[in-house]
Amino acid sequence: LGEPQQAFIQFLRQESARDSILLGPLQNLFSGREYSCELK
């Protein structure tokens, strides 16, 4: 149970980081960007 759950959480973290990179300098305008995928 733990390994797929860990992989999912890591996937969310990576995708949130990717979203921030895609936003570039605008990322600081968005609150919650650090956890956007976890929240979604």
Full PDB file with SEQRES, HELIX, SHEET, SSBOND, CRYST1, ORIGX, SCALE, CONECT and MASTER records, all heavy atoms in Angstrom:
SEQRES   1 A   40  LEU GLY GLU PRO GLN GLN ALA PHE ILE GLN PHE LEU ARG          
SEQRES   2 A   40  GLN GLU SER ALA ARG ASP SER ILE LEU LEU GLY PRO LEU          
SEQRES   3 A   40  GLN ASN LEU PHE SER GLY ARG GLU TYR SER CYS GLU LEU          
SEQRES   4 A   40  LYS                                                          
HELIX    1 AA1 GLY A    2  LEU A   23  1                                  22    
HELIX    2 AA2 GLY A   24  LEU A   29  5                                   6    
HELIX    3 AA3 ARG A   33  TYR A   35  5                                   3    
HELIX    4 AA4 SER A   36  LEU A   39  1                                   4    
CRYST1    1.000    1.000    1.000  90.00  90.00  90.00 P 1           1          
ORIGX1      1.000000  0.000000  0.000000        0.00000                         
ORIGX2      0.000000  1.000000  0.000000        0.00000                         
ORIGX3      0.000000  0.000000  1.000000        0.00000                         
SCALE1      1.000000  0.000000  0.000000        0.00000                         
SCALE2      0.000000  1.000000  0.000000        0.00000                         
SCALE3      0.000000  0.000000  1.000000        0.00000                         
ATOM      1  N   LEU A   1       0.827  -1.210   0.000  1.00  0.00           N  
ATOM      2  CA  LEU A   1       0.000   0.000   0.000  1.00  0.00           C  
ATOM      3  C   LEU A   1       0.861   1.259   0.000  1.00  0.00           C  
ATOM      4  O   LEU A   1       0.532   2.251  -0.635  1.00  0.00           O  
ATOM      5  CB  LEU A   1      -0.921   0.034   1.224  1.00  0.00           C  
ATOM      6  CG  LEU A   1      -2.033  -0.990   1.293  1.00  0.00           C  
ATOM      7  CD1 LEU A   1      -2.792  -0.849   2.603  1.00  0.00           C  
ATOM      8  CD2 LEU A   1      -2.969  -0.841   0.122  1.00  0.00           C  
ATOM      9  N   GLY A   2       1.955   1.192   0.722  1.00  0.00           N  
ATOM     10  CA  GLY A   2       2.806   2.365   0.901  1.00  0.00           C  
ATOM     11  C   GLY A   2       3.536   2.815  -0.342  1.00  0.00           C  
ATOM     12  O   GLY A   2       3.620   4.017  -0.615  1.00  0.00           O  
ATOM     13  N   GLU A   3       4.064   1.886  -1.116  1.00  0.00           N  
ATOM     14  CA  GLU A   3       4.854   2.282  -2.286  1.00  0.00           C  
ATOM     15  C   GLU A   3       4.025   3.028  -3.335  1.00  0.00           C  
ATOM     16  O   GLU A   3       4.455   4.086  -3.801  1.00  0.00           O  
ATOM     17  CB  GLU A   3       5.571   1.073  -2.882  1.00  0.00           C  
ATOM     18  CG  GLU A   3       6.732   0.624  -2.021  1.00  0.00           C  
ATOM     19  CD  GLU A   3       7.452  -0.596  -2.561  1.00  0.00           C  
ATOM     20  OE1 GLU A   3       7.022  -1.163  -3.589  1.00  0.00           O  
ATOM     21  OE2 GLU A   3       8.450  -0.984  -1.939  1.00  0.00           O  
ATOM     22  N   PRO A   4       2.837   2.546  -3.716  1.00  0.00           N  
ATOM     23  CA  PRO A   4       2.041   3.326  -4.679  1.00  0.00           C  
ATOM     24  C   PRO A   4       1.593   4.677  -4.109  1.00  0.00           C  
ATOM     25  O   PRO A   4       1.535   5.667  -4.829  1.00  0.00           O  
ATOM     26  CB  PRO A   4       0.833   2.439  -4.981  1.00  0.00           C  
ATOM     27  CG  PRO A   4       1.188   1.087  -4.487  1.00  0.00           C  
ATOM     28  CD  PRO A   4       2.223   1.258  -3.431  1.00  0.00           C  
ATOM     29  N   GLN A   5       1.320   4.723  -2.826  1.00  0.00           N  
ATOM     30  CA  GLN A   5       0.905   5.977  -2.192  1.00  0.00           C  
ATOM     31  C   GLN A   5       2.061   6.980  -2.208  1.00  0.00           C  
ATOM     32  O   GLN A   5       1.878   8.146  -2.540  1.00  0.00           O  
ATOM     33  CB  GLN A   5       0.453   5.689  -0.751  1.00  0.00           C  
ATOM     34  CG  GLN A   5      -0.297   6.815  -0.112  1.00  0.00           C  
ATOM     35  CD  GLN A   5      -1.716   6.961  -0.611  1.00  0.00           C  
ATOM     36  OE1 GLN A   5      -2.248   6.116  -1.322  1.00  0.00           O  
ATOM     37  NE2 GLN A   5      -2.356   8.049  -0.251  1.00  0.00           N  
ATOM     38  N   GLN A   6       3.249   6.513  -1.869  1.00  0.00           N  
ATOM     39  CA  GLN A   6       4.444   7.368  -1.906  1.00  0.00           C  
ATOM     40  C   GLN A   6       4.687   7.867  -3.325  1.00  0.00           C  
ATOM     41  O   GLN A   6       5.003   9.041  -3.537  1.00  0.00           O  
ATOM     42  CB  GLN A   6       5.684   6.584  -1.443  1.00  0.00           C  
ATOM     43  CG  GLN A   6       5.641   6.124  -0.028  1.00  0.00           C  
ATOM     44  CD  GLN A   6       6.105   7.194   0.944  1.00  0.00           C  
ATOM     45  OE1 GLN A   6       5.788   8.357   0.780  1.00  0.00           O  
ATOM     46  NE2 GLN A   6       6.839   6.785   1.944  1.00  0.00           N  
ATOM     47  N   ALA A   7       4.559   6.985  -4.306  1.00  0.00           N  
ATOM     48  CA  ALA A   7       4.788   7.359  -5.708  1.00  0.00           C  
ATOM     49  C   ALA A   7       3.777   8.419  -6.141  1.00  0.00           C  
ATOM     50  O   ALA A   7       4.134   9.361  -6.861  1.00  0.00           O  
ATOM     51  CB  ALA A   7       4.709   6.128  -6.608  1.00  0.00           C  
ATOM     52  N   PHE A   8       2.537   8.298  -5.696  1.00  0.00           N  
ATOM     53  CA  PHE A   8       1.511   9.285  -6.040  1.00  0.00           C  
ATOM     54  C   PHE A   8       1.850  10.647  -5.428  1.00  0.00           C  
ATOM     55  O   PHE A   8       1.788  11.679  -6.114  1.00  0.00           O  
ATOM     56  CB  PHE A   8       0.137   8.803  -5.567  1.00  0.00           C  
ATOM     57  CG  PHE A   8      -0.981   9.757  -5.871  1.00  0.00           C  
ATOM     58  CD1 PHE A   8      -1.322  10.055  -7.180  1.00  0.00           C  
ATOM     59  CD2 PHE A   8      -1.695  10.355  -4.845  1.00  0.00           C  
ATOM     60  CE1 PHE A   8      -2.367  10.945  -7.474  1.00  0.00           C  
ATOM     61  CE2 PHE A   8      -2.737  11.235  -5.121  1.00  0.00           C  
ATOM     62  CZ  PHE A   8      -3.067  11.530  -6.440  1.00  0.00           C  
ATOM     63  N   ILE A   9       2.237  10.667  -4.171  1.00  0.00           N  
ATOM     64  CA  ILE A   9       2.593  11.921  -3.511  1.00  0.00           C  
ATOM     65  C   ILE A   9       3.802  12.558  -4.207  1.00  0.00           C  
ATOM     66  O   ILE A   9       3.814  13.770  -4.451  1.00  0.00           O  
ATOM     67  CB  ILE A   9       2.853  11.696  -2.003  1.00  0.00           C  
ATOM     68  CG1 ILE A   9       1.529  11.338  -1.307  1.00  0.00           C  
ATOM     69  CG2 ILE A   9       3.494  12.925  -1.357  1.00  0.00           C  
ATOM     70  CD1 ILE A   9       1.675  10.850   0.122  1.00  0.00           C  
ATOM     71  N   GLN A  10       4.795  11.760  -4.563  1.00  0.00           N  
ATOM     72  CA  GLN A  10       5.961  12.305  -5.270  1.00  0.00           C  
ATOM     73  C   GLN A  10       5.564  12.846  -6.643  1.00  0.00           C  
ATOM     74  O   GLN A  10       6.060  13.880  -7.078  1.00  0.00           O  
ATOM     75  CB  GLN A  10       7.062  11.255  -5.394  1.00  0.00           C  
ATOM     76  CG  GLN A  10       7.754  10.948  -4.085  1.00  0.00           C  
ATOM     77  CD  GLN A  10       8.214  12.206  -3.357  1.00  0.00           C  
ATOM     78  OE1 GLN A  10       8.834  13.083  -3.940  1.00  0.00           O  
ATOM     79  NE2 GLN A  10       7.893  12.298  -2.069  1.00  0.00           N  
ATOM     80  N   PHE A  11       4.677  12.151  -7.334  1.00  0.00           N  
ATOM     81  CA  PHE A  11       4.176  12.628  -8.621  1.00  0.00           C  
ATOM     82  C   PHE A  11       3.521  14.000  -8.445  1.00  0.00           C  
ATOM     83  O   PHE A  11       3.768  14.931  -9.229  1.00  0.00           O  
ATOM     84  CB  PHE A  11       3.179  11.625  -9.206  1.00  0.00           C  
ATOM     85  CG  PHE A  11       2.428  12.138 -10.396  1.00  0.00           C  
ATOM     86  CD1 PHE A  11       3.011  12.144 -11.656  1.00  0.00           C  
ATOM     87  CD2 PHE A  11       1.138  12.629 -10.263  1.00  0.00           C  
ATOM     88  CE1 PHE A  11       2.323  12.630 -12.756  1.00  0.00           C  
ATOM     89  CE2 PHE A  11       0.439  13.114 -11.359  1.00  0.00           C  
ATOM     90  CZ  PHE A  11       1.038  13.118 -12.611  1.00  0.00           C  
ATOM     91  N   LEU A  12       2.680  14.146  -7.421  1.00  0.00           N  
ATOM     92  CA  LEU A  12       2.016  15.429  -7.176  1.00  0.00           C  
ATOM     93  C   LEU A  12       3.028  16.529  -6.901  1.00  0.00           C  
ATOM     94  O   LEU A  12       2.906  17.642  -7.425  1.00  0.00           O  
ATOM     95  CB  LEU A  12       1.039  15.311  -6.002  1.00  0.00           C  
ATOM     96  CG  LEU A  12      -0.149  14.379  -6.214  1.00  0.00           C  
ATOM     97  CD1 LEU A  12      -0.950  14.254  -4.926  1.00  0.00           C  
ATOM     98  CD2 LEU A  12      -1.022  14.846  -7.362  1.00  0.00           C  
ATOM     99  N   ARG A  13       4.030  16.230  -6.101  1.00  0.00           N  
ATOM    100  CA  ARG A  13       5.063  17.226  -5.789  1.00  0.00           C  
ATOM    101  C   ARG A  13       5.814  17.643  -7.060  1.00  0.00           C  
ATOM    102  O   ARG A  13       6.082  18.827  -7.274  1.00  0.00           O  
ATOM    103  CB  ARG A  13       6.035  16.682  -4.764  1.00  0.00           C  
ATOM    104  CG  ARG A  13       5.384  16.395  -3.417  1.00  0.00           C  
ATOM    105  CD  ARG A  13       6.356  16.575  -2.284  1.00  0.00           C  
ATOM    106  NE  ARG A  13       5.908  15.985  -1.051  1.00  0.00           N  
ATOM    107  CZ  ARG A  13       4.907  16.439  -0.305  1.00  0.00           C  
ATOM    108  NH1 ARG A  13       4.211  17.472  -0.694  1.00  0.00           N  
ATOM    109  NH2 ARG A  13       4.596  15.853   0.831  1.00  0.00           N  
ATOM    110  N   GLN A  14       6.158  16.671  -7.892  1.00  0.00           N  
ATOM    111  CA  GLN A  14       6.875  16.981  -9.132  1.00  0.00           C  
ATOM    112  C   GLN A  14       6.009  17.828 -10.075  1.00  0.00           C  
ATOM    113  O   GLN A  14       6.507  18.759 -10.711  1.00  0.00           O  
ATOM    114  CB  GLN A  14       7.304  15.693  -9.827  1.00  0.00           C  
ATOM    115  CG  GLN A  14       8.386  14.950  -9.091  1.00  0.00           C  
ATOM    116  CD  GLN A  14       8.581  13.529  -9.586  1.00  0.00           C  
ATOM    117  OE1 GLN A  14       7.808  13.028 -10.393  1.00  0.00           O  
ATOM    118  NE2 GLN A  14       9.603  12.864  -9.077  1.00  0.00           N  
ATOM    119  N   GLU A  15       4.737  17.502 -10.159  1.00  0.00           N  
ATOM    120  CA  GLU A  15       3.855  18.255 -11.043  1.00  0.00           C  
ATOM    121  C   GLU A  15       3.594  19.669 -10.517  1.00  0.00           C  
ATOM    122  O   GLU A  15       3.481  20.613 -11.306  1.00  0.00           O  
ATOM    123  CB  GLU A  15       2.543  17.499 -11.267  1.00  0.00           C  
ATOM    124  CG  GLU A  15       2.727  16.231 -12.079  1.00  0.00           C  
ATOM    125  CD  GLU A  15       3.323  16.492 -13.466  1.00  0.00           C  
ATOM    126  OE1 GLU A  15       2.860  17.419 -14.158  1.00  0.00           O  
ATOM    127  OE2 GLU A  15       4.252  15.766 -13.852  1.00  0.00           O  
ATOM    128  N   SER A  16       3.514  19.837  -9.197  1.00  0.00           N  
ATOM    129  CA  SER A  16       3.386  21.184  -8.634  1.00  0.00           C  
ATOM    130  C   SER A  16       4.628  22.009  -8.967  1.00  0.00           C  
ATOM    131  O   SER A  16       4.524  23.188  -9.335  1.00  0.00           O  
ATOM    132  CB  SER A  16       3.183  21.132  -7.114  1.00  0.00           C  
ATOM    133  OG  SER A  16       1.902  20.651  -6.795  1.00  0.00           O  
ATOM    134  N   ALA A  17       5.805  21.388  -8.841  1.00  0.00           N  
ATOM    135  CA  ALA A  17       7.056  22.079  -9.191  1.00  0.00           C  
ATOM    136  C   ALA A  17       7.078  22.424 -10.678  1.00  0.00           C  
ATOM    137  O   ALA A  17       7.492  23.519 -11.069  1.00  0.00           O  
ATOM    138  CB  ALA A  17       8.257  21.216  -8.820  1.00  0.00           C  
ATOM    139  N   ARG A  18       6.609  21.506 -11.495  1.00  0.00           N  
ATOM    140  CA  ARG A  18       6.549  21.758 -12.945  1.00  0.00           C  
ATOM    141  C   ARG A  18       5.618  22.925 -13.257  1.00  0.00           C  
ATOM    142  O   ARG A  18       5.931  23.773 -14.094  1.00  0.00           O  
ATOM    143  CB  ARG A  18       6.083  20.489 -13.656  1.00  0.00           C  
ATOM    144  CG  ARG A  18       6.047  20.612 -15.148  1.00  0.00           C  
ATOM    145  CD  ARG A  18       5.656  19.288 -15.770  1.00  0.00           C  
ATOM    146  NE  ARG A  18       5.578  19.432 -17.209  1.00  0.00           N  
ATOM    147  CZ  ARG A  18       5.066  18.537 -18.015  1.00  0.00           C  
ATOM    148  NH1 ARG A  18       4.608  17.400 -17.534  1.00  0.00           N  
ATOM    149  NH2 ARG A  18       5.021  18.747 -19.305  1.00  0.00           N  
ATOM    150  N   ASP A  19       4.467  22.980 -12.582  1.00  0.00           N  
ATOM    151  CA  ASP A  19       3.544  24.098 -12.778  1.00  0.00           C  
ATOM    152  C   ASP A  19       4.226  25.427 -12.442  1.00  0.00           C  
ATOM    153  O   ASP A  19       4.063  26.413 -13.158  1.00  0.00           O  
ATOM    154  CB  ASP A  19       2.294  23.938 -11.915  1.00  0.00           C  
ATOM    155  CG  ASP A  19       1.326  22.905 -12.463  1.00  0.00           C  
ATOM    156  OD1 ASP A  19       1.525  22.425 -13.607  1.00  0.00           O  
ATOM    157  OD2 ASP A  19       0.363  22.570 -11.745  1.00  0.00           O  
ATOM    158  N   SER A  20       4.989  25.445 -11.356  1.00  0.00           N  
ATOM    159  CA  SER A  20       5.696  26.668 -10.976  1.00  0.00           C  
ATOM    160  C   SER A  20       6.709  27.083 -12.038  1.00  0.00           C  
ATOM    161  O   SER A  20       6.822  28.257 -12.378  1.00  0.00           O  
ATOM    162  CB  SER A  20       6.401  26.489  -9.625  1.00  0.00           C  
ATOM    163  OG  SER A  20       5.454  26.452  -8.592  1.00  0.00           O  
ATOM    164  N   ILE A  21       7.418  26.107 -12.579  1.00  0.00           N  
ATOM    165  CA  ILE A  21       8.392  26.401 -13.628  1.00  0.00           C  
ATOM    166  C   ILE A  21       7.686  26.953 -14.862  1.00  0.00           C  
ATOM    167  O   ILE A  21       8.148  27.921 -15.482  1.00  0.00           O  
ATOM    168  CB  ILE A  21       9.214  25.144 -13.971  1.00  0.00           C  
ATOM    169  CG1 ILE A  21      10.144  24.810 -12.803  1.00  0.00           C  
ATOM    170  CG2 ILE A  21      10.016  25.326 -15.262  1.00  0.00           C  
ATOM    171  CD1 ILE A  21      10.788  23.435 -12.895  1.00  0.00           C  
ATOM    172  N   LEU A  22       6.554  26.353 -15.226  1.00  0.00           N  
ATOM    173  CA  LEU A  22       5.810  26.826 -16.393  1.00  0.00           C  
ATOM    174  C   LEU A  22       5.297  28.256 -16.211  1.00  0.00           C  
ATOM    175  O   LEU A  22       5.179  29.004 -17.185  1.00  0.00           O  
ATOM    176  CB  LEU A  22       4.643  25.884 -16.699  1.00  0.00           C  
ATOM    177  CG  LEU A  22       5.029  24.493 -17.205  1.00  0.00           C  
ATOM    178  CD1 LEU A  22       3.807  23.594 -17.285  1.00  0.00           C  
ATOM    179  CD2 LEU A  22       5.723  24.581 -18.557  1.00  0.00           C  
ATOM    180  N   LEU A  23       5.010  28.635 -14.979  1.00  0.00           N  
ATOM    181  CA  LEU A  23       4.552  29.996 -14.710  1.00  0.00           C  
ATOM    182  C   LEU A  23       5.693  31.007 -14.802  1.00  0.00           C  
ATOM    183  O   LEU A  23       5.447  32.205 -14.980  1.00  0.00           O  
ATOM    184  CB  LEU A  23       3.897  30.082 -13.334  1.00  0.00           C  
ATOM    185  CG  LEU A  23       2.535  29.429 -13.197  1.00  0.00           C  
ATOM    186  CD1 LEU A  23       2.122  29.375 -11.732  1.00  0.00           C  
ATOM    187  CD2 LEU A  23       1.505  30.181 -14.019  1.00  0.00           C  
ATOM    188  N   GLY A  24       6.916  30.529 -14.647  1.00  0.00           N  
ATOM    189  CA  GLY A  24       8.078  31.417 -14.726  1.00  0.00           C  
ATOM    190  C   GLY A  24       8.007  32.517 -13.687  1.00  0.00           C  
ATOM    191  O   GLY A  24       7.632  32.285 -12.542  1.00  0.00           O  
ATOM    192  N   PRO A  25       8.351  33.746 -14.091  1.00  0.00           N  
ATOM    193  CA  PRO A  25       8.378  34.847 -13.124  1.00  0.00           C  
ATOM    194  C   PRO A  25       7.001  35.197 -12.559  1.00  0.00           C  
ATOM    195  O   PRO A  25       6.907  35.853 -11.530  1.00  0.00           O  
ATOM    196  CB  PRO A  25       8.951  36.032 -13.908  1.00  0.00           C  
ATOM    197  CG  PRO A  25       9.073  35.604 -15.320  1.00  0.00           C  
ATOM    198  CD  PRO A  25       8.809  34.138 -15.410  1.00  0.00           C  
ATOM    199  N   LEU A  26       5.947  34.740 -13.211  1.00  0.00           N  
ATOM    200  CA  LEU A  26       4.596  35.021 -12.713  1.00  0.00           C  
ATOM    201  C   LEU A  26       4.213  34.150 -11.513  1.00  0.00           C  
ATOM    202  O   LEU A  26       3.200  34.423 -10.861  1.00  0.00           O  
ATOM    203  CB  LEU A  26       3.570  34.817 -13.832  1.00  0.00           C  
ATOM    204  CG  LEU A  26       3.707  35.719 -15.048  1.00  0.00           C  
ATOM    205  CD1 LEU A  26       2.680  35.327 -16.100  1.00  0.00           C  
ATOM    206  CD2 LEU A  26       3.550  37.173 -14.650  1.00  0.00           C  
ATOM    207  N   GLN A  27       5.000  33.118 -11.227  1.00  0.00           N  
ATOM    208  CA  GLN A  27       4.621  32.181 -10.172  1.00  0.00           C  
ATOM    209  C   GLN A  27       4.396  32.847  -8.824  1.00  0.00           C  
ATOM    210  O   GLN A  27       3.558  32.416  -8.043  1.00  0.00           O  
ATOM    211  CB  GLN A  27       5.635  31.054 -10.058  1.00  0.00           C  
ATOM    212  CG  GLN A  27       6.993  31.478  -9.547  1.00  0.00           C  
ATOM    213  CD  GLN A  27       7.929  30.314  -9.424  1.00  0.00           C  
ATOM    214  OE1 GLN A  27       7.662  29.396  -8.667  1.00  0.00           O  
ATOM    215  NE2 GLN A  27       9.008  30.352 -10.173  1.00  0.00           N  
ATOM    216  N   ASN A  28       5.113  33.923  -8.549  1.00  0.00           N  
ATOM    217  CA  ASN A  28       4.958  34.587  -7.251  1.00  0.00           C  
ATOM    218  C   ASN A  28       3.627  35.312  -7.108  1.00  0.00           C  
ATOM    219  O   ASN A  28       3.271  35.735  -6.017  1.00  0.00           O  
ATOM    220  CB  ASN A  28       6.121  35.551  -7.014  1.00  0.00           C  
ATOM    221  CG  ASN A  28       7.420  34.793  -6.832  1.00  0.00           C  
ATOM    222  OD1 ASN A  28       7.429  33.670  -6.327  1.00  0.00           O  
ATOM    223  ND2 ASN A  28       8.515  35.383  -7.264  1.00  0.00           N  
ATOM    224  N   LEU A  29       2.895  35.444  -8.194  1.00  0.00           N  
ATOM    225  CA  LEU A  29       1.579  36.075  -8.132  1.00  0.00           C  
ATOM    226  C   LEU A  29       0.497  35.117  -7.641  1.00  0.00           C  
ATOM    227  O   LEU A  29      -0.602  35.539  -7.299  1.00  0.00           O  
ATOM    228  CB  LEU A  29       1.174  36.602  -9.514  1.00  0.00           C  
ATOM    229  CG  LEU A  29       2.072  37.679 -10.123  1.00  0.00           C  
ATOM    230  CD1 LEU A  29       1.611  38.000 -11.538  1.00  0.00           C  
ATOM    231  CD2 LEU A  29       2.078  38.927  -9.253  1.00  0.00           C  
ATOM    232  N   PHE A  30       0.813  33.824  -7.633  1.00  0.00           N  
ATOM    233  CA  PHE A  30      -0.183  32.808  -7.307  1.00  0.00           C  
ATOM    234  C   PHE A  30       0.088  32.189  -5.947  1.00  0.00           C  
ATOM    235  O   PHE A  30       1.104  31.524  -5.750  1.00  0.00           O  
ATOM    236  CB  PHE A  30      -0.192  31.717  -8.381  1.00  0.00           C  
ATOM    237  CG  PHE A  30      -0.583  32.226  -9.732  1.00  0.00           C  
ATOM    238  CD1 PHE A  30       0.378  32.598 -10.650  1.00  0.00           C  
ATOM    239  CD2 PHE A  30      -1.915  32.356 -10.074  1.00  0.00           C  
ATOM    240  CE1 PHE A  30       0.028  33.085 -11.897  1.00  0.00           C  
ATOM    241  CE2 PHE A  30      -2.289  32.844 -11.309  1.00  0.00           C  
ATOM    242  CZ  PHE A  30      -1.317  33.215 -12.230  1.00  0.00           C  
ATOM    243  N   SER A  31      -0.833  32.389  -5.016  1.00  0.00           N  
ATOM    244  CA  SER A  31      -0.683  31.719  -3.726  1.00  0.00           C  
ATOM    245  C   SER A  31      -1.057  30.251  -3.906  1.00  0.00           C  
ATOM    246  O   SER A  31      -1.898  29.911  -4.736  1.00  0.00           O  
ATOM    247  CB  SER A  31      -1.577  32.373  -2.674  1.00  0.00           C  
ATOM    248  OG  SER A  31      -2.927  32.224  -3.017  1.00  0.00           O  
ATOM    249  N   GLY A  32      -0.414  29.397  -3.169  1.00  0.00           N  
ATOM    250  CA  GLY A  32      -0.714  27.975  -3.234  1.00  0.00           C  
ATOM    251  C   GLY A  32       0.005  27.219  -4.330  1.00  0.00           C  
ATOM    252  O   GLY A  32      -0.235  26.042  -4.530  1.00  0.00           O  
ATOM    253  N   ARG A  33       0.915  27.872  -5.028  1.00  0.00           N  
ATOM    254  CA  ARG A  33       1.602  27.187  -6.130  1.00  0.00           C  
ATOM    255  C   ARG A  33       2.440  26.018  -5.633  1.00  0.00           C  
ATOM    256  O   ARG A  33       2.658  25.068  -6.355  1.00  0.00           O  
ATOM    257  CB  ARG A  33       2.454  28.173  -6.920  1.00  0.00           C  
ATOM    258  CG  ARG A  33       3.634  28.689  -6.136  1.00  0.00           C  
ATOM    259  CD  ARG A  33       4.407  29.762  -6.862  1.00  0.00           C  
ATOM    260  NE  ARG A  33       5.515  30.222  -6.056  1.00  0.00           N  
ATOM    261  CZ  ARG A  33       5.409  31.046  -5.036  1.00  0.00           C  
ATOM    262  NH1 ARG A  33       4.235  31.502  -4.679  1.00  0.00           N  
ATOM    263  NH2 ARG A  33       6.474  31.412  -4.342  1.00  0.00           N  
ATOM    264  N   GLU A  34       2.903  26.075  -4.369  1.00  0.00           N  
ATOM    265  CA  GLU A  34       3.743  25.004  -3.824  1.00  0.00           C  
ATOM    266  C   GLU A  34       2.984  23.697  -3.659  1.00  0.00           C  
ATOM    267  O   GLU A  34       3.582  22.636  -3.580  1.00  0.00           O  
ATOM    268  CB  GLU A  34       4.336  25.392  -2.463  1.00  0.00           C  
ATOM    269  CG  GLU A  34       5.125  26.665  -2.446  1.00  0.00           C  
ATOM    270  CD  GLU A  34       4.299  27.858  -1.984  1.00  0.00           C  
ATOM    271  OE1 GLU A  34       3.044  27.836  -2.119  1.00  0.00           O  
ATOM    272  OE2 GLU A  34       4.905  28.821  -1.503  1.00  0.00           O  
ATOM    273  N   TYR A  35       1.677  23.777  -3.587  1.00  0.00           N  
ATOM    274  CA  TYR A  35       0.862  22.580  -3.352  1.00  0.00           C  
ATOM    275  C   TYR A  35      -0.316  22.496  -4.319  1.00  0.00           C  
ATOM    276  O   TYR A  35      -1.321  21.852  -4.038  1.00  0.00           O  
ATOM    277  CB  TYR A  35       0.362  22.548  -1.902  1.00  0.00           C  
ATOM    278  CG  TYR A  35      -0.341  23.803  -1.446  1.00  0.00           C  
ATOM    279  CD1 TYR A  35      -1.688  24.004  -1.700  1.00  0.00           C  
ATOM    280  CD2 TYR A  35       0.364  24.793  -0.760  1.00  0.00           C  
ATOM    281  CE1 TYR A  35      -2.329  25.152  -1.283  1.00  0.00           C  
ATOM    282  CE2 TYR A  35      -0.266  25.948  -0.339  1.00  0.00           C  
ATOM    283  CZ  TYR A  35      -1.619  26.129  -0.604  1.00  0.00           C  
ATOM    284  OH  TYR A  35      -2.247  27.267  -0.189  1.00  0.00           O  
ATOM    285  N   SER A  36      -0.198  23.108  -5.485  1.00  0.00           N  
ATOM    286  CA  SER A  36      -1.329  23.186  -6.405  1.00  0.00           C  
ATOM    287  C   SER A  36      -1.865  21.815  -6.811  1.00  0.00           C  
ATOM    288  O   SER A  36      -3.069  21.597  -6.819  1.00  0.00           O  
ATOM    289  CB  SER A  36      -0.962  24.006  -7.648  1.00  0.00           C  
ATOM    290  OG  SER A  36       0.098  23.404  -8.361  1.00  0.00           O  
ATOM    291  N   CYS A  37      -0.984  20.891  -7.149  1.00  0.00           N  
ATOM    292  CA  CYS A  37      -1.461  19.567  -7.580  1.00  0.00           C  
ATOM    293  C   CYS A  37      -1.979  18.740  -6.411  1.00  0.00           C  
ATOM    294  O   CYS A  37      -2.948  17.989  -6.568  1.00  0.00           O  
ATOM    295  CB  CYS A  37      -0.359  18.835  -8.342  1.00  0.00           C  
ATOM    296  SG  CYS A  37      -0.069  19.586  -9.968  1.00  0.00           S  
ATOM    297  N   GLU A  38      -1.353  18.864  -5.255  1.00  0.00           N  
ATOM    298  CA  GLU A  38      -1.847  18.159  -4.074  1.00  0.00           C  
ATOM    299  C   GLU A  38      -3.278  18.606  -3.766  1.00  0.00           C  
ATOM    300  O   GLU A  38      -4.150  17.794  -3.467  1.00  0.00           O  
ATOM    301  CB  GLU A  38      -0.932  18.425  -2.868  1.00  0.00           C  
ATOM    302  CG  GLU A  38       0.453  17.841  -2.995  1.00  0.00           C  
ATOM    303  CD  GLU A  38       1.476  18.768  -3.653  1.00  0.00           C  
ATOM    304  OE1 GLU A  38       1.104  19.584  -4.532  1.00  0.00           O  
ATOM    305  OE2 GLU A  38       2.658  18.656  -3.297  1.00  0.00           O  
ATOM    306  N   LEU A  39      -3.508  19.924  -3.875  1.00  0.00           N  
ATOM    307  CA  LEU A  39      -4.839  20.470  -3.606  1.00  0.00           C  
ATOM    308  C   LEU A  39      -5.839  20.031  -4.674  1.00  0.00           C  
ATOM    309  O   LEU A  39      -6.960  19.630  -4.350  1.00  0.00           O  
ATOM    310  CB  LEU A  39      -4.774  21.997  -3.527  1.00  0.00           C  
ATOM    311  CG  LEU A  39      -6.101  22.714  -3.290  1.00  0.00           C  
ATOM    312  CD1 LEU A  39      -6.763  22.240  -2.000  1.00  0.00           C  
ATOM    313  CD2 LEU A  39      -5.875  24.219  -3.268  1.00  0.00           C  
ATOM    314  N   LYS A  40      -5.458  20.084  -5.939  1.00  0.00           N  
ATOM    315  CA  LYS A  40      -6.378  19.694  -7.014  1.00  0.00           C  
ATOM    316  C   LYS A  40      -6.777  18.218  -6.907  1.00  0.00           C  
ATOM    317  O   LYS A  40      -7.937  17.868  -7.137  1.00  0.00           O  
ATOM    318  CB  LYS A  40      -5.739  19.949  -8.373  1.00  0.00           C  
ATOM    319  CG  LYS A  40      -5.602  21.409  -8.726  1.00  0.00           C  
ATOM    320  CD  LYS A  40      -4.882  21.522 -10.068  1.00  0.00           C  
ATOM    321  CE  LYS A  40      -4.305  22.880 -10.306  1.00  0.00           C  
ATOM    322  NZ  LYS A  40      -3.522  22.928 -11.541  1.00  0.00           N  
TER     323      LYS A  40                                                      
MASTER        0    0    0    4    0    0    0    6  322    1    0    4          
END                                                                             
